[in-house]
Amino acid sequence: MRKCKRGKQRWRTGLGLDDQVHLALQARPLYGSVDLPSAATGTSLLMAQIKVEETARWGDLEEHGRRAFYPDAATFTCLINGFCMEHKIKKAIELLRKMGSFGCTPNVITFGTLITGLRRTGNITIALQFFEEMVNGNVDLVSLTRGIKPNVVAYNTLIYGLCNTSNWEEAKTLFMEMLDEGVQLDVLTFNMIIDDLCKNTKMNETNGLLQLMINRGVHPNTITYSTILASYFLASIIDDARKLFDSMASKGCEPNVVSYNIFMDGLCLANKIDDAKELFASMLNKGCMPNVVT
């Protein structure tokens, strides 16, 4: 180790967290005071460890936290994410519940990380239960959740999981809750609901939601329009599909190759081959290059 000008030890991030803490504990009797790794430094090292090797053991964190390394909410969030990546959901939840013993309060990112992990591992029911604890507070989490409100990421994670498991009514309830709670919806929120409506060819509801999206200042993207276009053709509503396609540019969303492909495919299925050829020529004239699907 090199000494800083002030005579204190400089921490080299090339060392693992275990090595840094071990050296700190050895140096303490000699120097009396050392610069311990900060929470930010420790968190960065933990993130690297999780990606490269395996999730840091809870016992290691507990030992380091009480002797040298002082974790913060970002540290715990990193570890919770690591446990979720390894499908160790019980350990992730246990870690969250023990944050208070370190004087740490989880933030909305911490909760969102756990909810995302639950959803990705197929535990959507547990994710919903945990979400309710986050919103309402329960015996174990009331002190931790006080003042924390779910953000759009937490809601989107649950809506995505619910839509993928055909729990449309639950997804709709969460969507309405977002509106009631004043949560700022984004394009992903609308796209997920629109996709689910389109899969069931509920075109009136889809059109209403598209208008609500525009009215709230959320700009539809090519995914939004392409999803609706495909549903129109599935329902054989050719004229409305054409109107929607023609309106894309005026709404600030230029059609891409996926949008053109969906439209041409729909025209071909409707036996409108000449219209499909014209659309293909228009696509080339506007500089949109075809792909293998085209």
Protein backbone atom coordinates (compact mmCIF):
# COMPACT_ATOMS: atom_id res chain seq x y z
CA MET A 1 0.00 0.00 0.00
CA ARG A 2 1.04 3.55 -0.64
CA LYS A 3 0.65 6.24 1.96
CA CYS A 4 -1.30 9.38 1.23
CA LYS A 5 0.29 12.72 2.00
CA ARG A 6 -1.69 12.85 5.23
CA GLY A 7 -0.14 9.57 6.31
CA LYS A 8 -3.32 7.53 5.93
CA GLN A 9 -3.69 4.41 3.89
CA ARG A 10 -5.00 4.77 0.36
CA TRP A 11 -7.50 2.09 -0.65
CA ARG A 12 -6.81 0.47 -3.99
CA THR A 13 -10.00 -0.69 -5.66
CA GLY A 14 -8.10 -3.44 -7.43
CA LEU A 15 -8.30 -5.42 -4.19
CA GLY A 16 -11.37 -7.44 -3.35
CA LEU A 17 -13.62 -6.25 -0.57
CA ASP A 18 -12.54 -9.09 1.72
CA ASP A 19 -8.88 -8.17 1.21
CA GLN A 20 -9.52 -4.49 1.86
CA VAL A 21 -11.35 -5.16 5.08
CA HIS A 22 -8.72 -7.68 6.21
CA LEU A 23 -5.92 -5.16 5.61
CA ALA A 24 -7.90 -2.44 7.37
CA LEU A 25 -8.28 -4.58 10.45
CA GLN A 26 -4.56 -5.39 10.41
CA ALA A 27 -3.57 -1.76 9.91
CA ARG A 28 -5.79 -0.35 12.63
CA PRO A 29 -3.55 -1.31 15.56
CA LEU A 30 -0.51 0.10 13.73
CA TYR A 31 -1.87 3.35 12.42
CA GLY A 32 -4.74 3.90 14.80
CA SER A 33 -6.95 5.18 12.03
CA VAL A 34 -7.35 4.19 8.41
CA ASP A 35 -9.61 5.23 5.58
CA LEU A 36 -12.11 2.40 5.48
CA PRO A 37 -13.72 1.57 2.15
CA SER A 38 -16.76 3.80 1.66
CA ALA A 39 -20.20 2.42 1.01
CA ALA A 40 -19.90 3.54 -2.60
CA THR A 41 -16.55 1.77 -3.05
CA GLY A 42 -17.80 -1.37 -1.32
CA THR A 43 -20.97 -1.37 -3.38
CA SER A 44 -19.03 -1.09 -6.64
CA LEU A 45 -16.86 -4.04 -5.62
CA LEU A 46 -19.88 -6.07 -4.58
CA MET A 47 -21.55 -5.42 -7.94
CA ALA A 48 -18.44 -6.62 -9.75
CA GLN A 49 -18.25 -9.68 -7.51
CA ILE A 50 -21.88 -10.54 -8.17
CA LYS A 51 -21.45 -10.28 -11.93
CA VAL A 52 -18.20 -12.19 -12.11
CA GLU A 53 -18.48 -14.78 -9.36
CA GLU A 54 -21.40 -15.20 -6.97
CA THR A 55 -23.47 -13.16 -4.56
CA ALA A 56 -21.59 -12.04 -1.46
CA ARG A 57 -22.63 -14.05 1.57
CA TRP A 58 -24.91 -12.36 4.07
CA GLY A 59 -22.58 -13.47 6.85
CA ASP A 60 -19.69 -11.63 5.19
CA LEU A 61 -21.68 -8.42 4.96
CA GLU A 62 -22.85 -8.72 8.53
CA GLU A 63 -19.28 -9.22 9.74
CA HIS A 64 -17.82 -6.43 7.60
CA GLY A 65 -20.64 -4.05 8.45
CA ARG A 66 -19.98 -4.35 12.17
CA ARG A 67 -16.20 -4.23 12.02
CA ALA A 68 -15.16 -2.02 9.16
CA PHE A 69 -17.45 -1.70 6.15
CA TYR A 70 -20.59 0.40 6.56
CA PRO A 71 -23.17 -0.55 3.93
CA ASP A 72 -25.88 1.81 2.73
CA ALA A 73 -29.14 1.30 0.82
CA ALA A 74 -27.27 1.00 -2.48
CA THR A 75 -25.14 -1.80 -1.02
CA PHE A 76 -28.18 -3.74 0.13
CA THR A 77 -29.93 -3.14 -3.19
CA CYS A 78 -26.90 -4.56 -5.00
CA LEU A 79 -26.89 -7.67 -2.81
CA ILE A 80 -30.64 -8.15 -3.10
CA ASN A 81 -30.28 -7.98 -6.87
CA GLY A 82 -27.52 -10.57 -6.69
CA PHE A 83 -29.63 -12.98 -4.63
CA CYS A 84 -32.50 -12.51 -7.07
CA MET A 85 -30.17 -13.26 -10.00
CA GLU A 86 -29.32 -16.55 -8.29
CA HIS A 87 -33.02 -17.22 -7.60
CA LYS A 88 -32.37 -16.99 -3.86
CA ILE A 89 -35.54 -15.06 -3.18
CA LYS A 90 -35.87 -16.02 0.49
CA LYS A 91 -32.38 -14.68 1.18
CA ALA A 92 -33.17 -11.49 -0.70
CA ILE A 93 -36.28 -10.88 1.41
CA GLU A 94 -34.40 -11.75 4.61
CA LEU A 95 -31.70 -9.26 3.69
CA LEU A 96 -34.26 -6.52 3.17
CA ARG A 97 -35.87 -7.17 6.52
CA LYS A 98 -32.48 -6.96 8.29
CA MET A 99 -31.53 -3.58 6.83
CA GLY A 100 -32.85 -1.80 9.90
CA SER A 101 -30.28 -3.51 12.12
CA PHE A 102 -27.61 -1.65 10.15
CA GLY A 103 -29.43 1.65 10.43
CA CYS A 104 -30.32 1.50 6.72
CA THR A 105 -33.69 2.35 5.24
CA PRO A 106 -34.60 0.77 1.90
CA ASN A 107 -35.64 3.15 -0.83
CA VAL A 108 -38.00 2.72 -3.75
CA ILE A 109 -35.15 1.28 -5.85
CA THR A 110 -34.50 -1.40 -3.23
CA PHE A 111 -38.14 -2.47 -3.25
CA GLY A 112 -38.32 -2.24 -7.03
CA THR A 113 -35.27 -4.48 -7.33
CA LEU A 114 -36.84 -7.17 -5.16
CA ILE A 115 -40.18 -6.93 -6.96
CA THR A 116 -38.39 -7.27 -10.30
CA GLY A 117 -36.51 -10.30 -9.00
CA LEU A 118 -39.73 -11.90 -7.83
CA ARG A 119 -41.36 -11.29 -11.19
CA ARG A 120 -38.42 -12.64 -13.17
CA THR A 121 -38.34 -15.83 -11.12
CA GLY A 122 -42.04 -16.45 -11.69
CA ASN A 123 -43.13 -15.41 -8.19
CA ILE A 124 -45.69 -12.87 -9.37
CA THR A 125 -48.12 -13.68 -6.53
CA ILE A 126 -45.44 -13.07 -3.91
CA ALA A 127 -44.44 -9.91 -5.78
CA LEU A 128 -48.00 -8.63 -5.50
CA GLN A 129 -48.15 -9.45 -1.80
CA PHE A 130 -44.85 -7.70 -1.24
CA PHE A 131 -46.07 -4.72 -3.26
CA GLU A 132 -49.10 -4.43 -1.00
CA GLU A 133 -46.79 -4.50 2.04
CA MET A 134 -44.79 -1.73 0.46
CA VAL A 135 -47.90 0.39 -0.15
CA ASN A 136 -49.78 -0.31 3.07
CA GLY A 137 -47.02 -1.34 5.47
CA ASN A 138 -47.28 -4.43 7.63
CA VAL A 139 -45.99 -5.53 11.01
CA ASP A 140 -42.52 -6.37 9.72
CA LEU A 141 -42.04 -3.59 7.21
CA VAL A 142 -44.09 -0.66 8.49
CA SER A 143 -41.05 1.21 9.83
CA LEU A 144 -39.15 0.57 6.61
CA THR A 145 -41.91 1.43 4.16
CA ARG A 146 -43.16 4.60 5.81
CA GLY A 147 -43.07 7.43 3.29
CA ILE A 148 -42.04 5.22 0.37
CA LYS A 149 -44.37 5.23 -2.61
CA PRO A 150 -44.06 2.83 -5.55
CA ASN A 151 -42.77 4.47 -8.71
CA VAL A 152 -43.55 3.75 -12.34
CA VAL A 153 -40.83 1.07 -12.51
CA ALA A 154 -42.37 -0.96 -9.68
CA TYR A 155 -45.83 -0.70 -11.23
CA ASN A 156 -44.56 -1.57 -14.71
CA THR A 157 -42.74 -4.62 -13.40
CA LEU A 158 -45.92 -6.00 -11.86
CA ILE A 159 -48.13 -5.10 -14.83
CA TYR A 160 -45.69 -6.85 -17.15
CA GLY A 161 -45.71 -9.98 -15.00
CA LEU A 162 -49.49 -9.98 -14.69
CA CYS A 163 -50.04 -9.54 -18.42
CA ASN A 164 -47.63 -12.39 -19.16
CA THR A 165 -49.54 -14.67 -16.80
CA SER A 166 -52.95 -13.70 -18.21
CA ASN A 167 -53.99 -11.83 -15.05
CA TRP A 168 -55.56 -9.02 -17.03
CA GLU A 169 -57.96 -7.83 -14.32
CA GLU A 170 -55.12 -7.48 -11.80
CA ALA A 171 -53.05 -5.58 -14.36
CA LYS A 172 -55.98 -3.29 -15.10
CA THR A 173 -56.46 -2.66 -11.38
CA LEU A 174 -52.83 -1.61 -11.00
CA PHE A 175 -53.08 0.61 -14.07
CA MET A 176 -56.13 2.38 -12.62
CA GLU A 177 -54.32 2.66 -9.29
CA MET A 178 -51.48 4.45 -11.03
CA LEU A 179 -53.92 6.98 -12.42
CA ASP A 180 -55.59 7.47 -9.03
CA GLU A 181 -52.26 7.84 -7.20
CA GLY A 182 -50.89 10.32 -9.71
CA VAL A 183 -48.01 8.08 -10.75
CA GLN A 184 -46.49 9.33 -14.00
CA LEU A 185 -47.24 6.69 -16.61
CA ASP A 186 -44.67 6.18 -19.36
CA VAL A 187 -44.79 4.69 -22.84
CA LEU A 188 -43.93 1.23 -21.47
CA THR A 189 -46.96 1.31 -19.17
CA PHE A 190 -49.31 2.05 -22.04
CA ASN A 191 -47.62 -0.37 -24.45
CA MET A 192 -48.05 -3.28 -22.05
CA ILE A 193 -51.76 -2.61 -21.56
CA ILE A 194 -52.32 -1.93 -25.26
CA ASP A 195 -50.54 -5.17 -26.16
CA ASP A 196 -52.81 -7.14 -23.85
CA LEU A 197 -55.92 -5.46 -25.24
CA CYS A 198 -54.79 -6.11 -28.80
CA LYS A 199 -54.16 -9.79 -28.11
CA ASN A 200 -57.86 -9.98 -27.28
CA THR A 201 -58.81 -7.70 -30.21
CA LYS A 202 -60.49 -5.18 -27.89
CA MET A 203 -60.08 -2.40 -30.41
CA ASN A 204 -62.48 0.12 -28.87
CA GLU A 205 -60.64 -0.04 -25.56
CA THR A 206 -57.33 0.08 -27.40
CA ASN A 207 -58.30 3.24 -29.28
CA GLY A 208 -59.52 4.83 -26.07
CA LEU A 209 -56.25 4.03 -24.32
CA LEU A 210 -54.22 5.39 -27.25
CA GLN A 211 -56.12 8.66 -27.00
CA LEU A 212 -55.62 8.78 -23.23
CA MET A 213 -51.93 8.22 -23.82
CA ILE A 214 -51.72 11.17 -26.21
CA ASN A 215 -53.86 13.39 -23.97
CA ARG A 216 -51.51 12.77 -21.04
CA GLY A 217 -48.51 13.83 -23.08
CA VAL A 218 -47.03 10.35 -23.48
CA HIS A 219 -45.87 9.94 -27.08
CA PRO A 220 -46.68 6.60 -28.73
CA ASN A 221 -43.66 4.94 -30.33
CA THR A 222 -43.30 2.49 -33.20
CA ILE A 223 -44.00 -0.39 -30.82
CA THR A 224 -47.31 1.19 -29.86
CA TYR A 225 -48.42 1.72 -33.44
CA SER A 226 -47.09 -1.60 -34.72
CA THR A 227 -48.95 -3.49 -32.00
CA ILE A 228 -52.23 -1.78 -32.88
CA LEU A 229 -51.66 -2.19 -36.63
CA ALA A 230 -51.19 -5.93 -36.24
CA SER A 231 -54.38 -6.16 -34.22
CA TYR A 232 -56.36 -4.19 -36.81
CA PHE A 233 -55.31 -6.60 -39.54
CA LEU A 234 -56.04 -9.55 -37.28
CA ALA A 235 -59.57 -8.20 -36.94
CA SER A 236 -59.71 -7.40 -40.70
CA ILE A 237 -60.19 -3.68 -40.05
CA ILE A 238 -58.12 -2.52 -43.04
CA ASP A 239 -59.34 1.07 -43.33
CA ASP A 240 -58.62 1.90 -39.68
CA ALA A 241 -55.21 0.31 -40.01
CA ARG A 242 -54.44 2.55 -42.99
CA LYS A 243 -55.61 5.66 -41.13
CA LEU A 244 -53.48 4.80 -38.13
CA PHE A 245 -50.43 4.14 -40.29
CA ASP A 246 -50.89 7.42 -42.16
CA SER A 247 -51.21 9.32 -38.86
CA MET A 248 -47.89 8.09 -37.45
CA ALA A 249 -45.70 10.74 -39.07
CA SER A 250 -48.04 13.57 -38.03
CA LYS A 251 -47.77 12.34 -34.44
CA GLY A 252 -43.99 12.55 -34.58
CA CYS A 253 -43.39 8.83 -35.06
CA GLU A 254 -41.97 7.79 -38.43
CA PRO A 255 -42.83 4.21 -39.43
CA ASN A 256 -39.87 1.83 -39.29
CA VAL A 257 -39.26 -1.41 -41.14
CA VAL A 258 -41.34 -3.37 -38.61
CA SER A 259 -44.32 -1.07 -39.11
CA TYR A 260 -44.04 -1.37 -42.90
CA ASN A 261 -43.70 -5.14 -42.71
CA ILE A 262 -46.84 -5.47 -40.58
CA PHE A 263 -48.78 -3.25 -42.95
CA MET A 264 -47.57 -5.05 -46.10
CA ASP A 265 -48.28 -8.44 -44.55
CA GLY A 266 -51.79 -7.34 -43.64
CA LEU A 267 -52.42 -6.06 -47.14
CA CYS A 268 -51.17 -9.30 -48.68
CA LEU A 269 -53.38 -11.38 -46.39
CA ALA A 270 -56.31 -9.19 -47.45
CA ASN A 271 -55.37 -9.94 -51.08
CA LYS A 272 -54.48 -6.29 -51.71
CA ILE A 273 -51.24 -7.09 -53.52
CA ASP A 274 -51.10 -3.89 -55.57
CA ASP A 275 -51.48 -1.80 -52.42
CA ALA A 276 -48.69 -3.78 -50.78
CA LYS A 277 -46.40 -3.12 -53.78
CA GLU A 278 -47.16 0.60 -53.60
CA LEU A 279 -46.38 0.61 -49.91
CA PHE A 280 -43.08 -1.16 -50.57
CA ALA A 281 -42.13 1.48 -53.15
CA SER A 282 -43.08 4.24 -50.71
CA MET A 283 -40.95 2.60 -48.05
CA LEU A 284 -37.90 2.67 -50.32
CA ASN A 285 -38.54 6.25 -51.39
CA LYS A 286 -38.54 7.34 -47.75
CA GLY A 287 -35.19 5.69 -47.14
CA CYS A 288 -36.48 2.84 -44.99
CA MET A 289 -34.47 -0.23 -45.96
CA PRO A 290 -36.21 -3.61 -46.09
CA ASN A 291 -35.01 -6.57 -44.07
CA VAL A 292 -35.23 -10.31 -44.54
CA VAL A 293 -38.83 -10.33 -43.26
CA THR A 294 -39.85 -7.79 -45.91
